[in-house]
Structures are given as structure tokens and as C-alpha cells.
Amino acid sequence: MRNPFTAHPNDVGETYAEHAVFAMRYGAKMTLGGIAALAHGLFPFLFRTTASRITDELGETLRASRNRGRTANEDTRQA
């Protein structure tokens, strides 16, 4: 039986600790973007582009991470 704490991180080419740090940073940035969007909803003159910029950055971060994970998985399969 695969360890539930390491199975997914290994699948994406990360250790448990690397995955935890990545996910927590990603989540914190999502939260900040959400707060900016909520504040912008009430005060349209604040954070005019913050939420969309953070969303774009998070998308790019996730795409880059997925590409690194694919490369890591291909490397282990070839070994």
C-alpha cells in the first residue's frame, strides 16, 4: 500500500516537504488574491489589477510545476 503522505508528492516529482512548502505558498497567495478581490468588490478603486495578476501568476506557477513533475517522472521511468 502506498503511503498517502508521499504518493501524490512523488507522482509530481517532489518530496513531501517540497510539496508541502509549494502548496502552502500557493494557498497563501490564493488567499491574498481572494482578499484583494473582496476588497476590490467593496472599494473598486483599490486593488484594481491585483486579483487578476495573482491569478495569472498562480496559473503560470502551476504550469511550470506540472512540467517539472513530468520531467522528473520521465527521468525515474528511464532509470
N, C-alpha and C. Protein backbone atom coordinates (compact mmCIF):
# COMPACT_ATOMS: atom_id res chain seq x y z
N MET A 1 0.85 -1.19 0.00
CA MET A 1 0.00 0.00 0.00
C MET A 1 0.89 1.24 0.00
N ARG A 2 0.55 2.18 -0.88
CA ARG A 2 1.34 3.41 -0.98
C ARG A 2 1.04 4.33 0.20
N ASN A 3 2.07 5.01 0.65
CA ASN A 3 1.94 5.96 1.74
C ASN A 3 1.13 7.17 1.24
N PRO A 4 0.00 7.48 1.87
CA PRO A 4 -0.84 8.59 1.39
C PRO A 4 -0.17 9.96 1.53
N PHE A 5 0.84 10.07 2.39
CA PHE A 5 1.52 11.35 2.56
C PHE A 5 2.57 11.60 1.49
N THR A 6 3.07 10.55 0.87
CA THR A 6 4.13 10.73 -0.12
C THR A 6 3.72 10.32 -1.53
N ALA A 7 2.60 9.63 -1.70
CA ALA A 7 2.21 9.14 -3.02
C ALA A 7 2.04 10.29 -4.03
N HIS A 8 1.21 11.26 -3.71
CA HIS A 8 0.99 12.37 -4.65
C HIS A 8 2.26 13.20 -4.84
N PRO A 9 2.95 13.61 -3.77
CA PRO A 9 4.19 14.35 -4.00
C PRO A 9 5.16 13.60 -4.91
N ASN A 10 5.30 12.30 -4.70
CA ASN A 10 6.18 11.52 -5.57
C ASN A 10 5.68 11.51 -7.01
N ASP A 11 4.37 11.45 -7.19
CA ASP A 11 3.80 11.46 -8.54
C ASP A 11 4.14 12.73 -9.30
N VAL A 12 4.30 13.84 -8.58
CA VAL A 12 4.61 15.11 -9.24
C VAL A 12 6.09 15.48 -9.12
N GLY A 13 6.91 14.51 -8.71
CA GLY A 13 8.35 14.71 -8.68
C GLY A 13 8.86 15.53 -7.51
N GLU A 14 8.16 15.48 -6.39
CA GLU A 14 8.56 16.25 -5.21
C GLU A 14 8.63 15.35 -3.99
N THR A 15 9.38 15.80 -2.99
CA THR A 15 9.33 15.14 -1.69
C THR A 15 8.11 15.67 -0.95
N TYR A 16 7.80 15.03 0.17
CA TYR A 16 6.68 15.52 0.98
C TYR A 16 6.92 16.97 1.40
N ALA A 17 8.13 17.28 1.88
CA ALA A 17 8.43 18.63 2.35
C ALA A 17 8.37 19.65 1.21
N GLU A 18 8.93 19.31 0.05
CA GLU A 18 8.87 20.22 -1.09
C GLU A 18 7.43 20.50 -1.48
N HIS A 19 6.62 19.46 -1.51
CA HIS A 19 5.22 19.62 -1.89
C HIS A 19 4.46 20.45 -0.85
N ALA A 20 4.75 20.22 0.42
CA ALA A 20 4.08 20.98 1.48
C ALA A 20 4.39 22.47 1.36
N VAL A 21 5.66 22.80 1.16
CA VAL A 21 6.05 24.21 1.03
C VAL A 21 5.40 24.83 -0.20
N PHE A 22 5.45 24.13 -1.33
CA PHE A 22 4.84 24.64 -2.57
C PHE A 22 3.35 24.90 -2.36
N ALA A 23 2.65 23.90 -1.81
CA ALA A 23 1.20 24.01 -1.64
C ALA A 23 0.83 25.12 -0.66
N MET A 24 1.60 25.27 0.41
CA MET A 24 1.29 26.32 1.39
C MET A 24 1.54 27.71 0.81
N ARG A 25 2.63 27.87 0.06
CA ARG A 25 2.87 29.17 -0.58
C ARG A 25 1.79 29.48 -1.61
N TYR A 26 1.43 28.47 -2.37
CA TYR A 26 0.39 28.62 -3.39
C TYR A 26 -0.93 29.02 -2.73
N GLY A 27 -1.28 28.33 -1.66
CA GLY A 27 -2.52 28.62 -0.94
C GLY A 27 -2.52 30.01 -0.32
N ALA A 28 -1.38 30.42 0.23
CA ALA A 28 -1.29 31.76 0.82
C ALA A 28 -1.48 32.83 -0.25
N LYS A 29 -0.87 32.61 -1.41
CA LYS A 29 -1.02 33.58 -2.49
C LYS A 29 -2.46 33.61 -3.00
N MET A 30 -3.10 32.44 -3.06
CA MET A 30 -4.52 32.40 -3.45
C MET A 30 -5.37 33.19 -2.46
N THR A 31 -5.08 33.02 -1.19
CA THR A 31 -5.83 33.73 -0.14
C THR A 31 -5.66 35.23 -0.28
N LEU A 32 -4.42 35.68 -0.50
CA LEU A 32 -4.18 37.12 -0.68
C LEU A 32 -4.92 37.65 -1.91
N GLY A 33 -4.92 36.88 -2.98
CA GLY A 33 -5.67 37.29 -4.17
C GLY A 33 -7.16 37.38 -3.90
N GLY A 34 -7.67 36.44 -3.13
CA GLY A 34 -9.09 36.45 -2.77
C GLY A 34 -9.45 37.64 -1.91
N ILE A 35 -8.58 37.94 -0.96
CA ILE A 35 -8.82 39.11 -0.10
C ILE A 35 -8.80 40.39 -0.93
N ALA A 36 -7.84 40.47 -1.86
CA ALA A 36 -7.77 41.64 -2.73
C ALA A 36 -9.04 41.77 -3.58
N ALA A 37 -9.54 40.63 -4.08
CA ALA A 37 -10.77 40.66 -4.89
C ALA A 37 -11.97 41.10 -4.05
N LEU A 38 -12.06 40.60 -2.82
CA LEU A 38 -13.16 41.01 -1.93
C LEU A 38 -13.09 42.50 -1.62
N ALA A 39 -11.88 42.98 -1.32
CA ALA A 39 -11.72 44.41 -1.03
C ALA A 39 -12.06 45.24 -2.27
N HIS A 40 -11.63 44.78 -3.44
CA HIS A 40 -11.93 45.49 -4.69
C HIS A 40 -13.44 45.53 -4.95
N GLY A 41 -14.13 44.46 -4.59
CA GLY A 41 -15.58 44.45 -4.77
C GLY A 41 -16.27 45.55 -3.98
N LEU A 42 -15.77 45.81 -2.78
CA LEU A 42 -16.36 46.86 -1.94
C LEU A 42 -15.82 48.24 -2.27
N PHE A 43 -14.55 48.30 -2.61
CA PHE A 43 -13.87 49.56 -2.90
C PHE A 43 -13.19 49.45 -4.26
N PRO A 44 -13.92 49.71 -5.34
CA PRO A 44 -13.41 49.44 -6.69
C PRO A 44 -12.14 50.20 -7.05
N PHE A 45 -11.80 51.21 -6.29
CA PHE A 45 -10.59 51.98 -6.54
C PHE A 45 -9.35 51.31 -5.94
N LEU A 46 -9.54 50.25 -5.14
CA LEU A 46 -8.42 49.52 -4.55
C LEU A 46 -8.15 48.24 -5.33
N PHE A 47 -6.90 47.84 -5.39
CA PHE A 47 -6.50 46.53 -5.95
C PHE A 47 -7.12 46.28 -7.32
N ARG A 48 -7.02 47.26 -8.20
CA ARG A 48 -7.70 47.19 -9.50
C ARG A 48 -7.23 46.02 -10.36
N THR A 49 -5.99 45.63 -10.26
CA THR A 49 -5.49 44.52 -11.09
C THR A 49 -4.85 43.41 -10.25
N THR A 50 -4.87 43.55 -8.95
CA THR A 50 -4.16 42.61 -8.09
C THR A 50 -4.66 41.18 -8.22
N ALA A 51 -5.96 40.97 -8.12
CA ALA A 51 -6.50 39.61 -8.15
C ALA A 51 -6.23 38.93 -9.49
N SER A 52 -6.42 39.65 -10.59
CA SER A 52 -6.17 39.04 -11.90
C SER A 52 -4.68 38.77 -12.10
N ARG A 53 -3.82 39.66 -11.61
CA ARG A 53 -2.37 39.44 -11.72
C ARG A 53 -1.96 38.21 -10.93
N ILE A 54 -2.47 38.08 -9.71
CA ILE A 54 -2.14 36.92 -8.88
C ILE A 54 -2.67 35.65 -9.53
N THR A 55 -3.87 35.70 -10.09
CA THR A 55 -4.43 34.53 -10.77
C THR A 55 -3.53 34.11 -11.93
N ASP A 56 -3.08 35.07 -12.72
CA ASP A 56 -2.18 34.77 -13.84
C ASP A 56 -0.87 34.17 -13.34
N GLU A 57 -0.30 34.76 -12.28
CA GLU A 57 0.95 34.25 -11.72
C GLU A 57 0.79 32.82 -11.20
N LEU A 58 -0.33 32.56 -10.52
CA LEU A 58 -0.57 31.22 -10.00
C LEU A 58 -0.72 30.21 -11.13
N GLY A 59 -1.40 30.59 -12.18
CA GLY A 59 -1.55 29.70 -13.33
C GLY A 59 -0.20 29.36 -13.94
N GLU A 60 0.65 30.37 -14.09
CA GLU A 60 1.98 30.13 -14.65
C GLU A 60 2.82 29.26 -13.71
N THR A 61 2.73 29.52 -12.42
CA THR A 61 3.46 28.71 -11.44
C THR A 61 3.03 27.25 -11.51
N LEU A 62 1.74 27.02 -11.62
CA LEU A 62 1.23 25.65 -11.67
C LEU A 62 1.65 24.96 -12.97
N ARG A 63 1.60 25.67 -14.09
CA ARG A 63 2.04 25.07 -15.36
C ARG A 63 3.51 24.69 -15.30
N ALA A 64 4.34 25.57 -14.75
CA ALA A 64 5.77 25.28 -14.64
C ALA A 64 6.01 24.09 -13.71
N SER A 65 5.26 24.03 -12.62
CA SER A 65 5.40 22.92 -11.68
C SER A 65 5.00 21.60 -12.32
N ARG A 66 3.94 21.61 -13.08
CA ARG A 66 3.50 20.38 -13.77
C ARG A 66 4.54 19.91 -14.76
N ASN A 67 5.16 20.85 -15.47
CA ASN A 67 6.20 20.47 -16.42
C ASN A 67 7.41 19.88 -15.71
N ARG A 68 7.79 20.43 -14.56
CA ARG A 68 8.90 19.86 -13.79
C ARG A 68 8.54 18.46 -13.32
N GLY A 69 7.29 18.26 -12.89
CA GLY A 69 6.85 16.95 -12.42
C GLY A 69 6.89 15.92 -13.53
N ARG A 70 6.48 16.31 -14.72
CA ARG A 70 6.52 15.38 -15.86
C ARG A 70 7.95 14.98 -16.16
N THR A 71 8.86 15.94 -16.15
CA THR A 71 10.26 15.65 -16.43
C THR A 71 10.83 14.71 -15.37
N ALA A 72 10.51 14.95 -14.11
CA ALA A 72 11.01 14.10 -13.03
C ALA A 72 10.48 12.68 -13.17
N ASN A 73 9.21 12.54 -13.51
CA ASN A 73 8.62 11.21 -13.68
C ASN A 73 9.23 10.49 -14.87
N GLU A 74 9.51 11.21 -15.96
CA GLU A 74 10.14 10.59 -17.12
C GLU A 74 11.55 10.13 -16.79
N ASP A 75 12.27 10.93 -15.98
CA ASP A 75 13.63 10.56 -15.59
C ASP A 75 13.65 9.29 -14.76
N THR A 76 12.69 9.13 -13.84
CA THR A 76 12.68 7.94 -12.99
C THR A 76 12.25 6.71 -13.78
N ARG A 77 11.41 6.89 -14.79
CA ARG A 77 11.00 5.74 -15.61
C ARG A 77 12.14 5.24 -16.49
N GLN A 78 13.00 6.15 -16.93
CA GLN A 78 14.10 5.77 -17.80
C GLN A 78 15.25 5.15 -17.03
N ALA A 79 15.34 5.42 -15.74
CA ALA A 79 16.46 4.92 -14.92
C ALA A 79 16.38 3.42 -14.70
